[in-house]
Amino acid sequence: MKVSELVEKLGLTVYSGRKGLDREITGGYVSDLLSDVMGNAREGEVWITLQVHQNVMAIASLKDLVAVVLVNNLEPPESTVRHSNEENIPLLGANFSTFEIAGKIYQILNP
């Protein structure tokens, strides 16, 4: 499934990184600890987090993640938006808790 399809199915907000919306999702990872994501997330995954600072995009780029989903209507600062656009990694917003969005994405990816 493409990131754009996930956005459409869940009504996610696209804050930035629109050039990466056509990337294929292979799975998901949930964590708010950057070191945990660095050690355990895999290429092609969507990262679900409440972290909004620009280091999130650095980790997403390092791990070749296809998108970052911010939970609980959190909005990223301009520095994070700018980094997302530079890396072409979509930065998405969800009107769901971490638990809810993780379950929804899991169901969509594993019908």
PDB file of N, CA and C in Angstrom:
ATOM      1  N   MET A   1       0.836  -1.165   0.000  1.00  0.00           N
ATOM      2  CA  MET A   1       0.000   0.000   0.000  1.00  0.00           C
ATOM      3  C   MET A   1       0.893   1.245   0.000  1.00  0.00           C
ATOM      4  N   LYS A   2       0.484   2.233  -0.734  1.00  0.00           N
ATOM      5  CA  LYS A   2       1.214   3.493  -0.795  1.00  0.00           C
ATOM      6  C   LYS A   2       0.827   4.394   0.378  1.00  0.00           C
ATOM      7  N   VAL A   3       1.728   5.286   0.742  1.00  0.00           N
ATOM      8  CA  VAL A   3       1.463   6.235   1.824  1.00  0.00           C
ATOM      9  C   VAL A   3       0.210   7.045   1.500  1.00  0.00           C
ATOM     10  N   SER A   4       0.044   7.448   0.255  1.00  0.00           N
ATOM     11  CA  SER A   4      -1.122   8.246  -0.146  1.00  0.00           C
ATOM     12  C   SER A   4      -2.432   7.509   0.117  1.00  0.00           C
ATOM     13  N   GLU A   5      -2.431   6.200  -0.077  1.00  0.00           N
ATOM     14  CA  GLU A   5      -3.636   5.407   0.188  1.00  0.00           C
ATOM     15  C   GLU A   5      -3.944   5.370   1.684  1.00  0.00           C
ATOM     16  N   LEU A   6      -2.918   5.267   2.498  1.00  0.00           N
ATOM     17  CA  LEU A   6      -3.105   5.276   3.948  1.00  0.00           C
ATOM     18  C   LEU A   6      -3.687   6.617   4.394  1.00  0.00           C
ATOM     19  N   VAL A   7      -3.150   7.693   3.832  1.00  0.00           N
ATOM     20  CA  VAL A   7      -3.641   9.039   4.134  1.00  0.00           C
ATOM     21  C   VAL A   7      -5.137   9.126   3.832  1.00  0.00           C
ATOM     22  N   GLU A   8      -5.519   8.629   2.667  1.00  0.00           N
ATOM     23  CA  GLU A   8      -6.919   8.696   2.244  1.00  0.00           C
ATOM     24  C   GLU A   8      -7.819   7.848   3.137  1.00  0.00           C
ATOM     25  N   LYS A   9      -7.403   6.620   3.417  1.00  0.00           N
ATOM     26  CA  LYS A   9      -8.240   5.706   4.209  1.00  0.00           C
ATOM     27  C   LYS A   9      -8.457   6.191   5.632  1.00  0.00           C
ATOM     28  N   LEU A  10      -7.451   6.851   6.217  1.00  0.00           N
ATOM     29  CA  LEU A  10      -7.546   7.261   7.612  1.00  0.00           C
ATOM     30  C   LEU A  10      -7.806   8.753   7.797  1.00  0.00           C
ATOM     31  N   GLY A  11      -7.899   9.490   6.701  1.00  0.00           N
ATOM     32  CA  GLY A  11      -8.148  10.922   6.798  1.00  0.00           C
ATOM     33  C   GLY A  11      -7.022  11.663   7.506  1.00  0.00           C
ATOM     34  N   LEU A  12      -5.776  11.253   7.224  1.00  0.00           N
ATOM     35  CA  LEU A  12      -4.627  11.875   7.872  1.00  0.00           C
ATOM     36  C   LEU A  12      -4.315  13.233   7.253  1.00  0.00           C
ATOM     37  N   THR A  13      -3.743  14.109   8.042  1.00  0.00           N
ATOM     38  CA  THR A  13      -3.285  15.413   7.567  1.00  0.00           C
ATOM     39  C   THR A  13      -1.875  15.252   7.019  1.00  0.00           C
ATOM     40  N   VAL A  14      -1.619  15.825   5.860  1.00  0.00           N
ATOM     41  CA  VAL A  14      -0.272  15.817   5.298  1.00  0.00           C
ATOM     42  C   VAL A  14       0.347  17.181   5.586  1.00  0.00           C
ATOM     43  N   TYR A  15       1.291  17.217   6.524  1.00  0.00           N
ATOM     44  CA  TYR A  15       1.964  18.465   6.880  1.00  0.00           C
ATOM     45  C   TYR A  15       3.059  18.808   5.888  1.00  0.00           C
ATOM     46  N   SER A  16       3.744  17.788   5.389  1.00  0.00           N
ATOM     47  CA  SER A  16       4.895  18.041   4.517  1.00  0.00           C
ATOM     48  C   SER A  16       5.364  16.733   3.892  1.00  0.00           C
ATOM     49  N   GLY A  17       6.384  16.844   3.051  1.00  0.00           N
ATOM     50  CA  GLY A  17       6.965  15.662   2.420  1.00  0.00           C
ATOM     51  C   GLY A  17       6.088  15.022   1.365  1.00  0.00           C
ATOM     52  N   ARG A  18       5.283  15.822   0.689  1.00  0.00           N
ATOM     53  CA  ARG A  18       4.325  15.298  -0.301  1.00  0.00           C
ATOM     54  C   ARG A  18       4.969  14.486  -1.423  1.00  0.00           C
ATOM     55  N   LYS A  19       6.223  14.768  -1.731  1.00  0.00           N
ATOM     56  CA  LYS A  19       6.897  14.027  -2.810  1.00  0.00           C
ATOM     57  C   LYS A  19       7.083  12.554  -2.461  1.00  0.00           C
ATOM     58  N   GLY A  20       6.966  12.203  -1.191  1.00  0.00           N
ATOM     59  CA  GLY A  20       7.141  10.818  -0.779  1.00  0.00           C
ATOM     60  C   GLY A  20       5.848  10.047  -0.621  1.00  0.00           C
ATOM     61  N   LEU A  21       4.728  10.641  -0.993  1.00  0.00           N
ATOM     62  CA  LEU A  21       3.436   9.980  -0.795  1.00  0.00           C
ATOM     63  C   LEU A  21       3.234   8.731  -1.650  1.00  0.00           C
ATOM     64  N   ASP A  22       4.049   8.551  -2.678  1.00  0.00           N
ATOM     65  CA  ASP A  22       3.888   7.386  -3.547  1.00  0.00           C
ATOM     66  C   ASP A  22       4.739   6.193  -3.099  1.00  0.00           C
ATOM     67  N   ARG A  23       5.425   6.320  -1.974  1.00  0.00           N
ATOM     68  CA  ARG A  23       6.264   5.226  -1.479  1.00  0.00           C
ATOM     69  C   ARG A  23       5.413   4.099  -0.903  1.00  0.00           C
ATOM     70  N   GLU A  24       5.925   2.886  -1.018  1.00  0.00           N
ATOM     71  CA  GLU A  24       5.218   1.695  -0.543  1.00  0.00           C
ATOM     72  C   GLU A  24       5.521   1.429   0.935  1.00  0.00           C
ATOM     73  N   ILE A  25       4.482   1.119   1.693  1.00  0.00           N
ATOM     74  CA  ILE A  25       4.593   0.809   3.111  1.00  0.00           C
ATOM     75  C   ILE A  25       4.782  -0.696   3.279  1.00  0.00           C
ATOM     76  N   THR A  26       5.780  -1.086   4.069  1.00  0.00           N
ATOM     77  CA  THR A  26       6.019  -2.510   4.334  1.00  0.00           C
ATOM     78  C   THR A  26       5.593  -2.912   5.737  1.00  0.00           C
ATOM     79  N   GLY A  27       5.323  -1.939   6.603  1.00  0.00           N
ATOM     80  CA  GLY A  27       4.942  -2.235   7.982  1.00  0.00           C
ATOM     81  C   GLY A  27       4.929  -0.959   8.794  1.00  0.00           C
ATOM     82  N   GLY A  28       4.924  -1.115  10.098  1.00  0.00           N
ATOM     83  CA  GLY A  28       4.890   0.045  10.972  1.00  0.00           C
ATOM     84  C   GLY A  28       5.724  -0.168  12.217  1.00  0.00           C
ATOM     85  N   TYR A  29       6.086   0.939  12.842  1.00  0.00           N
ATOM     86  CA  TYR A  29       6.832   0.886  14.092  1.00  0.00           C
ATOM     87  C   TYR A  29       6.304   1.983  14.998  1.00  0.00           C
ATOM     88  N   VAL A  30       6.143   1.656  16.289  1.00  0.00           N
ATOM     89  CA  VAL A  30       5.613   2.600  17.258  1.00  0.00           C
ATOM     90  C   VAL A  30       6.637   2.797  18.368  1.00  0.00           C
ATOM     91  N   SER A  31       7.093   4.024  18.535  1.00  0.00           N
ATOM     92  CA  SER A  31       8.011   4.336  19.626  1.00  0.00           C
ATOM     93  C   SER A  31       8.185   5.839  19.720  1.00  0.00           C
ATOM     94  N   ASP A  32       8.458   6.309  20.929  1.00  0.00           N
ATOM     95  CA  ASP A  32       8.759   7.712  21.149  1.00  0.00           C
ATOM     96  C   ASP A  32      10.220   7.910  21.537  1.00  0.00           C
ATOM     97  N   LEU A  33      10.969   6.816  21.590  1.00  0.00           N
ATOM     98  CA  LEU A  33      12.394   6.890  21.907  1.00  0.00           C
ATOM     99  C   LEU A  33      13.201   6.809  20.613  1.00  0.00           C
ATOM    100  N   LEU A  34      13.922   7.859  20.300  1.00  0.00           N
ATOM    101  CA  LEU A  34      14.673   7.896  19.053  1.00  0.00           C
ATOM    102  C   LEU A  34      15.687   6.760  18.977  1.00  0.00           C
ATOM    103  N   SER A  35      16.335   6.449  20.085  1.00  0.00           N
ATOM    104  CA  SER A  35      17.325   5.367  20.078  1.00  0.00           C
ATOM    105  C   SER A  35      16.670   4.019  19.804  1.00  0.00           C
ATOM    106  N   ASP A  36      15.452   3.834  20.258  1.00  0.00           N
ATOM    107  CA  ASP A  36      14.716   2.599  19.991  1.00  0.00           C
ATOM    108  C   ASP A  36      14.404   2.481  18.501  1.00  0.00           C
ATOM    109  N   VAL A  37      13.968   3.557  17.911  1.00  0.00           N
ATOM    110  CA  VAL A  37      13.658   3.557  16.476  1.00  0.00           C
ATOM    111  C   VAL A  37      14.928   3.304  15.674  1.00  0.00           C
ATOM    112  N   MET A  38      16.022   3.935  16.070  1.00  0.00           N
ATOM    113  CA  MET A  38      17.299   3.717  15.373  1.00  0.00           C
ATOM    114  C   MET A  38      17.706   2.252  15.419  1.00  0.00           C
ATOM    115  N   GLY A  39      17.451   1.601  16.525  1.00  0.00           N
ATOM    116  CA  GLY A  39      17.875   0.224  16.682  1.00  0.00           C
ATOM    117  C   GLY A  39      16.930  -0.819  16.131  1.00  0.00           C
ATOM    118  N   ASN A  40      15.644  -0.472  15.974  1.00  0.00           N
ATOM    119  CA  ASN A  40      14.669  -1.517  15.674  1.00  0.00           C
ATOM    120  C   ASN A  40      13.744  -1.284  14.486  1.00  0.00           C
ATOM    121  N   ALA A  41      13.531  -0.046  14.074  1.00  0.00           N
ATOM    122  CA  ALA A  41      12.651   0.204  12.923  1.00  0.00           C
ATOM    123  C   ALA A  41      13.337  -0.298  11.662  1.00  0.00           C
ATOM    124  N   ARG A  42      12.512  -0.691  10.685  1.00  0.00           N
ATOM    125  CA  ARG A  42      13.058  -1.226   9.435  1.00  0.00           C
ATOM    126  C   ARG A  42      12.647  -0.377   8.240  1.00  0.00           C
ATOM    127  N   GLU A  43      13.488  -0.426   7.234  1.00  0.00           N
ATOM    128  CA  GLU A  43      13.242   0.291   5.988  1.00  0.00           C
ATOM    129  C   GLU A  43      11.829   0.011   5.486  1.00  0.00           C
ATOM    130  N   GLY A  44      11.153   1.062   5.032  1.00  0.00           N
ATOM    131  CA  GLY A  44       9.825   0.919   4.452  1.00  0.00           C
ATOM    132  C   GLY A  44       8.681   1.026   5.437  1.00  0.00           C
ATOM    133  N   GLU A  45       8.998   1.162   6.712  1.00  0.00           N
ATOM    134  CA  GLU A  45       7.933   1.227   7.718  1.00  0.00           C
ATOM    135  C   GLU A  45       7.436   2.657   7.921  1.00  0.00           C
ATOM    136  N   VAL A  46       6.219   2.746   8.464  1.00  0.00           N
ATOM    137  CA  VAL A  46       5.636   3.998   8.913  1.00  0.00           C
ATOM    138  C   VAL A  46       5.940   4.086  10.410  1.00  0.00           C
ATOM    139  N   TRP A  47       6.422   5.236  10.850  1.00  0.00           N
ATOM    140  CA  TRP A  47       6.756   5.430  12.259  1.00  0.00           C
ATOM    141  C   TRP A  47       5.654   6.246  12.918  1.00  0.00           C
ATOM    142  N   ILE A  48       5.081   5.718  13.976  1.00  0.00           N
ATOM    143  CA  ILE A  48       4.037   6.388  14.747  1.00  0.00           C
ATOM    144  C   ILE A  48       4.671   6.928  16.028  1.00  0.00           C
ATOM    145  N   THR A  49       4.508   8.236  16.285  1.00  0.00           N
ATOM    146  CA  THR A  49       5.155   8.856  17.439  1.00  0.00           C
ATOM    147  C   THR A  49       4.437  10.128  17.880  1.00  0.00           C
ATOM    148  N   LEU A  50       4.780  10.582  19.085  1.00  0.00           N
ATOM    149  CA  LEU A  50       4.316  11.885  19.550  1.00  0.00           C
ATOM    150  C   LEU A  50       5.447  12.906  19.545  1.00  0.00           C
ATOM    151  N   GLN A  51       6.621  12.492  19.124  1.00  0.00           N
ATOM    152  CA  GLN A  51       7.767  13.400  19.018  1.00  0.00           C
ATOM    153  C   GLN A  51       7.609  14.286  17.782  1.00  0.00           C
ATOM    154  N   VAL A  52       7.825  15.578  17.943  1.00  0.00           N
ATOM    155  CA  VAL A  52       7.622  16.498  16.820  1.00  0.00           C
ATOM    156  C   VAL A  52       8.877  17.260  16.400  1.00  0.00           C
ATOM    157  N   HIS A  53       9.969  17.137  17.136  1.00  0.00           N
ATOM    158  CA  HIS A  53      11.163  17.919  16.813  1.00  0.00           C
ATOM    159  C   HIS A  53      11.868  17.379  15.569  1.00  0.00           C
ATOM    160  N   GLN A  54      12.747  18.192  14.991  1.00  0.00           N
ATOM    161  CA  GLN A  54      13.353  17.857  13.703  1.00  0.00           C
ATOM    162  C   GLN A  54      14.222  16.608  13.736  1.00  0.00           C
ATOM    163  N   ASN A  55      14.693  16.176  14.895  1.00  0.00           N
ATOM    164  CA  ASN A  55      15.495  14.949  14.964  1.00  0.00           C
ATOM    165  C   ASN A  55      14.692  13.729  14.530  1.00  0.00           C
ATOM    166  N   VAL A  56      13.387  13.816  14.619  1.00  0.00           N
ATOM    167  CA  VAL A  56      12.527  12.723  14.142  1.00  0.00           C
ATOM    168  C   VAL A  56      12.786  12.476  12.656  1.00  0.00           C
ATOM    169  N   MET A  57      12.899  13.547  11.896  1.00  0.00           N
ATOM    170  CA  MET A  57      13.116  13.396  10.460  1.00  0.00           C
ATOM    171  C   MET A  57      14.513  12.869  10.162  1.00  0.00           C
ATOM    172  N   ALA A  58      15.482  13.225  10.988  1.00  0.00           N
ATOM    173  CA  ALA A  58      16.838  12.701  10.799  1.00  0.00           C
ATOM    174  C   ALA A  58      16.845  11.186  10.988  1.00  0.00           C
ATOM    175  N   ILE A  59      16.139  10.708  11.997  1.00  0.00           N
ATOM    176  CA  ILE A  59      16.066   9.263  12.250  1.00  0.00           C
ATOM    177  C   ILE A  59      15.281   8.576  11.138  1.00  0.00           C
ATOM    178  N   ALA A  60      14.169   9.184  10.719  1.00  0.00           N
ATOM    179  CA  ALA A  60      13.359   8.604   9.642  1.00  0.00           C
ATOM    180  C   ALA A  60      14.180   8.466   8.363  1.00  0.00           C
ATOM    181  N   SER A  61      15.006   9.455   8.080  1.00  0.00           N
ATOM    182  CA  SER A  61      15.866   9.405   6.900  1.00  0.00           C
ATOM    183  C   SER A  61      16.947   8.336   7.050  1.00  0.00           C
ATOM    184  N   LEU A  62      17.574   8.303   8.203  1.00  0.00           N
ATOM    185  CA  LEU A  62      18.620   7.322   8.478  1.00  0.00           C
ATOM    186  C   LEU A  62      18.114   5.894   8.301  1.00  0.00           C
ATOM    187  N   LYS A  63      16.898   5.634   8.751  1.00  0.00           N
ATOM    188  CA  LYS A  63      16.318   4.290   8.699  1.00  0.00           C
ATOM    189  C   LYS A  63      15.532   4.038   7.411  1.00  0.00           C
ATOM    190  N   ASP A  64      15.447   5.024   6.531  1.00  0.00           N
ATOM    191  CA  ASP A  64      14.698   4.946   5.275  1.00  0.00           C
ATOM    192  C   ASP A  64      13.233   4.560   5.518  1.00  0.00           C
ATOM    193  N   LEU A  65      12.628   5.237   6.495  1.00  0.00           N
ATOM    194  CA  LEU A  65      11.208   5.046   6.780  1.00  0.00           C
ATOM    195  C   LEU A  65      10.398   5.809   5.738  1.00  0.00           C
ATOM    196  N   VAL A  66       9.183   5.336   5.461  1.00  0.00           N
ATOM    197  CA  VAL A  66       8.397   5.950   4.382  1.00  0.00           C
ATOM    198  C   VAL A  66       7.512   7.095   4.838  1.00  0.00           C
ATOM    199  N   ALA A  67       7.248   7.203   6.145  1.00  0.00           N
ATOM    200  CA  ALA A  67       6.422   8.299   6.659  1.00  0.00           C
ATOM    201  C   ALA A  67       6.512   8.319   8.177  1.00  0.00           C
ATOM    202  N   VAL A  68       6.192   9.480   8.732  1.00  0.00           N
ATOM    203  CA  VAL A  68       6.084   9.647  10.172  1.00  0.00           C
ATOM    204  C   VAL A  68       4.664  10.112  10.460  1.00  0.00           C
ATOM    205  N   VAL A  69       3.985   9.433  11.385  1.00  0.00           N
ATOM    206  CA  VAL A  69       2.627   9.793  11.767  1.00  0.00           C
ATOM    207  C   VAL A  69       2.659  10.356  13.185  1.00  0.00           C
ATOM    208  N   LEU A  70       2.243  11.613  13.316  1.00  0.00           N
ATOM    209  CA  LEU A  70       2.138  12.251  14.619  1.00  0.00           C
ATOM    210  C   LEU A  70       0.739  12.015  15.166  1.00  0.00           C
ATOM    211  N   VAL A  71       0.648  11.636  16.421  1.00  0.00           N
ATOM    212  CA  VAL A  71      -0.631  11.284  17.039  1.00  0.00           C
ATOM    213  C   VAL A  71      -1.241  12.466  17.790  1.00  0.00           C
ATOM    214  N   ASN A  72      -2.485  12.290  18.231  1.00  0.00           N
ATOM    215  CA  ASN A  72      -3.175  13.235  19.117  1.00  0.00           C
ATOM    216  C   ASN A  72      -3.248  14.667  18.590  1.00  0.00           C
ATOM    217  N   ASN A  73      -3.384  14.817  17.273  1.00  0.00           N
ATOM    218  CA  ASN A  73      -3.471  16.152  16.660  1.00  0.00           C
ATOM    219  C   ASN A  73      -2.248  17.018  16.895  1.00  0.00           C
ATOM    220  N   LEU A  74      -1.111  16.411  17.153  1.00  0.00           N
ATOM    221  CA  LEU A  74       0.112  17.189  17.347  1.00  0.00           C
ATOM    222  C   LEU A  74       0.535  17.813  16.024  1.00  0.00           C
ATOM    223  N   GLU A  75       1.057  19.028  16.097  1.00  0.00           N
ATOM    224  CA  GLU A  75       1.519  19.719  14.894  1.00  0.00           C
ATOM    225  C   GLU A  75       3.022  19.944  14.992  1.00  0.00           C
ATOM    226  N   PRO A  76       3.729  19.724  13.901  1.00  0.00           N
ATOM    227  CA  PRO A  76       5.181  19.871  13.917  1.00  0.00           C
ATOM    228  C   PRO A  76       5.616  21.326  13.813  1.00  0.00           C
ATOM    229  N   PRO A  77       6.777  21.650  14.394  1.00  0.00           N
ATOM    230  CA  PRO A  77       7.326  22.992  14.195  1.00  0.00           C
ATOM    231  C   PRO A  77       7.870  23.141  12.774  1.00  0.00           C
ATOM    232  N   GLU A  78       8.111  24.368  12.375  1.00  0.00           N
ATOM    233  CA  GLU A  78       8.574  24.653  11.016  1.00  0.00           C
ATOM    234  C   GLU A  78       9.878  23.929  10.684  1.00  0.00           C
ATOM    235  N   SER A  79      10.770  23.802  11.638  1.00  0.00           N
ATOM    236  CA  SER A  79      12.046  23.132  11.374  1.00  0.00           C
ATOM    237  C   SER A  79      11.836  21.664  10.998  1.00  0.00           C
ATOM    238  N   THR A  80      10.863  21.022  11.605  1.00  0.00           N
ATOM    239  CA  THR A  80      10.567  19.621  11.284  1.00  0.00           C
ATOM    240  C   THR A  80       9.906  19.521   9.912  1.00  0.00           C
ATOM    241  N   VAL A  81       9.022  20.435   9.615  1.00  0.00           N
ATOM    242  CA  VAL A  81       8.365  20.475   8.306  1.00  0.00           C
ATOM    243  C   VAL A  81       9.415  20.674   7.209  1.00  0.00           C
ATOM    244  N   ARG A  82      10.322  21.585   7.432  1.00  0.00           N
ATOM    245  CA  ARG A  82      11.378  21.865   6.455  1.00  0.00           C
ATOM    246  C   ARG A  82      12.242  20.614   6.212  1.00  0.00           C
ATOM    247  N   HIS A  83      12.624  19.939   7.287  1.00  0.00           N
ATOM    248  CA  HIS A  83      13.447  18.730   7.173  1.00  0.00           C
ATOM    249  C   HIS A  83      12.674  17.625   6.444  1.00  0.00           C
ATOM    250  N   SER A  84      11.392  17.502   6.718  1.00  0.00           N
ATOM    251  CA  SER A  84      10.543  16.512   6.045  1.00  0.00           C
ATOM    252  C   SER A  84      10.533  16.760   4.536  1.00  0.00           C
ATOM    253  N   ASN A  85      10.391  18.007   4.141  1.00  0.00           N
ATOM    254  CA  ASN A  85      10.379  18.348   2.715  1.00  0.00           C
ATOM    255  C   ASN A  85      11.737  18.086   2.070  1.00  0.00           C
ATOM    256  N   GLU A  86      12.810  18.372   2.789  1.00  0.00           N
ATOM    257  CA  GLU A  86      14.154  18.118   2.258  1.00  0.00           C
ATOM    258  C   GLU A  86      14.390  16.629   2.022  1.00  0.00           C
ATOM    259  N   GLU A  87      13.869  15.790   2.912  1.00  0.00           N
ATOM    260  CA  GLU A  87      14.081  14.344   2.834  1.00  0.00           C
ATOM    261  C   GLU A  87      13.008  13.621   2.012  1.00  0.00           C
ATOM    262  N   ASN A  88      11.958  14.347   1.620  1.00  0.00           N
ATOM    263  CA  ASN A  88      10.820  13.742   0.897  1.00  0.00           C
ATOM    264  C   ASN A  88      10.184  12.597   1.676  1.00  0.00           C
ATOM    265  N   ILE A  89      10.110  12.771   2.993  1.00  0.00           N
ATOM    266  CA  ILE A  89       9.450  11.800   3.864  1.00  0.00           C
ATOM    267  C   ILE A  89       8.191  12.468   4.397  1.00  0.00           C
ATOM    268  N   PRO A  90       7.007  11.935   4.052  1.00  0.00           N
ATOM    269  CA  PRO A  90       5.771  12.545   4.519  1.00  0.00           C
ATOM    270  C   PRO A  90       5.678  12.603   6.039  1.00  0.00           C
ATOM    271  N   LEU A  91       5.277  13.757   6.518  1.00  0.00           N
ATOM    272  CA  LEU A  91       4.998  13.984   7.927  1.00  0.00           C
ATOM    273  C   LEU A  91       3.492  14.137   8.024  1.00  0.00           C
ATOM    274  N   LEU A  92       2.866  13.184   8.692  1.00  0.00           N
ATOM    275  CA  LEU A  92       1.409  13.089   8.720  1.00  0.00           C
ATOM    276  C   LEU A  92       0.871  13.335  10.120  1.00  0.00           C
ATOM    277  N   GLY A  93      -0.353  13.797  10.194  1.00  0.00           N
ATOM    278  CA  GLY A  93      -1.003  14.016  11.477  1.00  0.00           C
ATOM    279  C   GLY A  93      -2.251  13.173  11.603  1.00  0.00           C
ATOM    280  N   ALA A  94      -2.464  12.647  12.806  1.00  0.00           N
ATOM    281  CA  ALA A  94      -3.629  11.803  13.062  1.00  0.00           C
ATOM    282  C   ALA A  94      -4.441  12.358  14.229  1.00  0.00           C
ATOM    283  N   ASN A  95      -5.736  12.258  14.095  1.00  0.00           N
ATOM    284  CA  ASN A  95      -6.662  12.655  15.146  1.00  0.00           C
ATOM    285  C   ASN A  95      -6.997  11.430  16.007  1.00  0.00           C
ATOM    286  N   PHE A  96      -5.989  10.625  16.306  1.00  0.00           N
ATOM    287  CA  PHE A  96      -6.159   9.401  17.079  1.00  0.00           C
ATOM    288  C   PHE A  96      -5.038   9.296  18.102  1.00  0.00           C
ATOM    289  N   SER A  97      -5.262   8.510  19.126  1.00  0.00           N
ATOM    290  CA  SER A  97      -4.192   8.193  20.070  1.00  0.00           C
ATOM    291  C   SER A  97      -3.222   7.225  19.405  1.00  0.00           C
ATOM    292  N   THR A  98      -2.092   7.025  20.029  1.00  0.00           N
ATOM    293  CA  THR A  98      -1.105   6.081  19.506  1.00  0.00           C
ATOM    294  C   THR A  98      -1.717   4.689  19.391  1.00  0.00           C
ATOM    295  N   PHE A  99      -2.416   4.263  20.405  1.00  0.00           N
ATOM    296  CA  PHE A  99      -3.054   2.955  20.417  1.00  0.00           C
ATOM    297  C   PHE A  99      -4.030   2.805  19.250  1.00  0.00           C
ATOM    298  N   GLU A 100      -4.876   3.815  19.058  1.00  0.00           N
ATOM    299  CA  GLU A 100      -5.881   3.754  17.996  1.00  0.00           C
ATOM    300  C   GLU A 100      -5.261   3.723  16.602  1.00  0.00           C
ATOM    301  N   ILE A 101      -4.316   4.613  16.341  1.00  0.00           N
ATOM    302  CA  ILE A 101      -3.747   4.674  14.987  1.00  0.00           C
ATOM    303  C   ILE A 101      -2.927   3.430  14.682  1.00  0.00           C
ATOM    304  N   ALA A 102      -2.225   2.899  15.677  1.00  0.00           N
ATOM    305  CA  ALA A 102      -1.456   1.671  15.456  1.00  0.00           C
ATOM    306  C   ALA A 102      -2.393   0.529  15.076  1.00  0.00           C
ATOM    307  N   GLY A 103      -3.515   0.408  15.771  1.00  0.00           N
ATOM    308  CA  GLY A 103      -4.479  -0.642  15.455  1.00  0.00           C
ATOM    309  C   GLY A 103      -5.077  -0.474  14.077  1.00  0.00           C
ATOM    310  N   LYS A 104      -5.419   0.757  13.724  1.00  0.00           N
ATOM    311  CA  LYS A 104      -6.011   1.019  12.413  1.00  0.00           C
ATOM    312  C   LYS A 104      -5.020   0.698  11.284  1.00  0.00           C
ATOM    313  N   ILE A 105      -3.778   1.130  11.447  1.00  0.00           N
ATOM    314  CA  ILE A 105      -2.778   0.856  10.408  1.00  0.00           C
ATOM    315  C   ILE A 105      -2.513  -0.641  10.320  1.00  0.00           C
ATOM    316  N   TYR A 106      -2.442  -1.312  11.440  1.00  0.00           N
ATOM    317  CA  TYR A 106      -2.228  -2.752  11.434  1.00  0.00           C
ATOM    318  C   TYR A 106      -3.333  -3.465  10.660  1.00  0.00           C
ATOM    319  N   GLN A 107      -4.580  -3.097  10.928  1.00  0.00           N
ATOM    320  CA  GLN A 107      -5.720  -3.723  10.240  1.00  0.00           C
ATOM    321  C   GLN A 107      -5.685  -3.470   8.748  1.00  0.00           C
ATOM    322  N   ILE A 108      -5.309  -2.277   8.352  1.00  0.00           N
ATOM    323  CA  ILE A 108      -5.258  -1.950   6.923  1.00  0.00           C
ATOM    324  C   ILE A 108      -4.152  -2.750   6.223  1.00  0.00           C
ATOM    325  N   LEU A 109      -3.004  -2.864   6.868  1.00  0.00           N
ATOM    326  CA  LEU A 109      -1.868  -3.554   6.256  1.00  0.00           C
ATOM    327  C   LEU A 109      -1.972  -5.083   6.334  1.00  0.00           C
ATOM    328  N   ASN A 110      -2.809  -5.576   7.244  1.00  0.00           N
ATOM    329  CA  ASN A 110      -2.955  -7.016   7.462  1.00  0.00           C
ATOM    330  C   ASN A 110      -4.433  -7.416   7.461  1.00  0.00           C
ATOM    331  N   PRO A 111      -5.095  -7.297   6.300  1.00  0.00           N
ATOM    332  CA  PRO A 111      -6.552  -7.568   6.253  1.00  0.00           C
ATOM    333  C   PRO A 111      -6.893  -9.035   6.514  1.00  0.00           C
TER     334      PRO A 111
END
